[in-house]
């Protein structure tokens, strides 16, 4: 008996030392982005500088890292899966996502949850694949980098994922702006470090078109998302005060006005978009007639909880002509793309 107790005690000690060593390594290698970092703009834009009166089309699409098509669920939403069962499933989802984007010709694409090199998507370089397919310039800003995320089981593993902005416009500069992180150590080590991907396009009247790609907090009590939203609004107001045209778009993880869908599950509930947080004259551009996302507590069967959490915000000098959620029936992603048409004002 004493021998058994000694063996158990030794094994417990080994496990404690191993866990401590793993946390130590994770702390040393933690992704620690600066508050503001320059981002490379790859490729070359071919479109002329937009001027007042120019009509532009933008598309935002959370692609769910190619791992959240109709046949998949997700453990954080109450499902079971960490990643698709086969690499071929990710490839099939990506093929469908790329086809959907090609059927939506746009001047600007805001893409969220694009993996650069992640275990969950079988290390497919989705960023390069999508940017190359769409053409123009591309910029990538990571918002989830982890050497090894140890949960659940089997674990998520290595993650390098983030935001991609692709445009035919001649972007002069791109910047990653860090958003507040609501998680504390050690959970912070293996969680998202969200950001805004800000791209600047010179306009013919000497101003700038400021494009803001975003994906706000999802799995927390709402405090972090509120802080992130406050930082976003501050940026938008500053850019408009400087005389620029401003368009922000992406996955807000907040229900937009009018996007009310029957409740069938509370495994995950988005925040509520507060229009009062925006100054007078700003436009919240969303399409409440068609849901933009679905809950991943089970594979898609038409009965999952639906949400309207993807859309755009435009400054008073940007006129919204049309906004439409394109119903892809969640075939290849747990989100539908949203298409926006605007005209730059005077």
Foldseek 3Di string as FASTA:
>chain_A
DVVVVVVVVVVVVVVVVVVVVVLVVLVVPFDDDDQKDWWDKDAFADDDFAAFFDKFKEKEEAQQQLFAFLQFFDVLLQADDLADPDLVSSVVLLVVVLVVVVVPDGQKYKYWWHFCQWVRNPGDRRQCVNQVSNHAIKTWDWFFAAQQAVDDVVGRTGTTTTIMMGGNAGWDTKMWGWADDPDDPPVSSHDTGFTWIWIWGQHPVRATEIEIHGAADFPDDCPRLVRRVLVVQVVVVVRVVVVYWYKYWYFSQAFEPLQDDDDDDVSGHGHHDDPVSHDPQKDWDFDNVDFFFFHRSRRDDPPTDTGRGTTMITHNQKAWDDKDFDPPVSRSHRGTMMMTMIGGHD
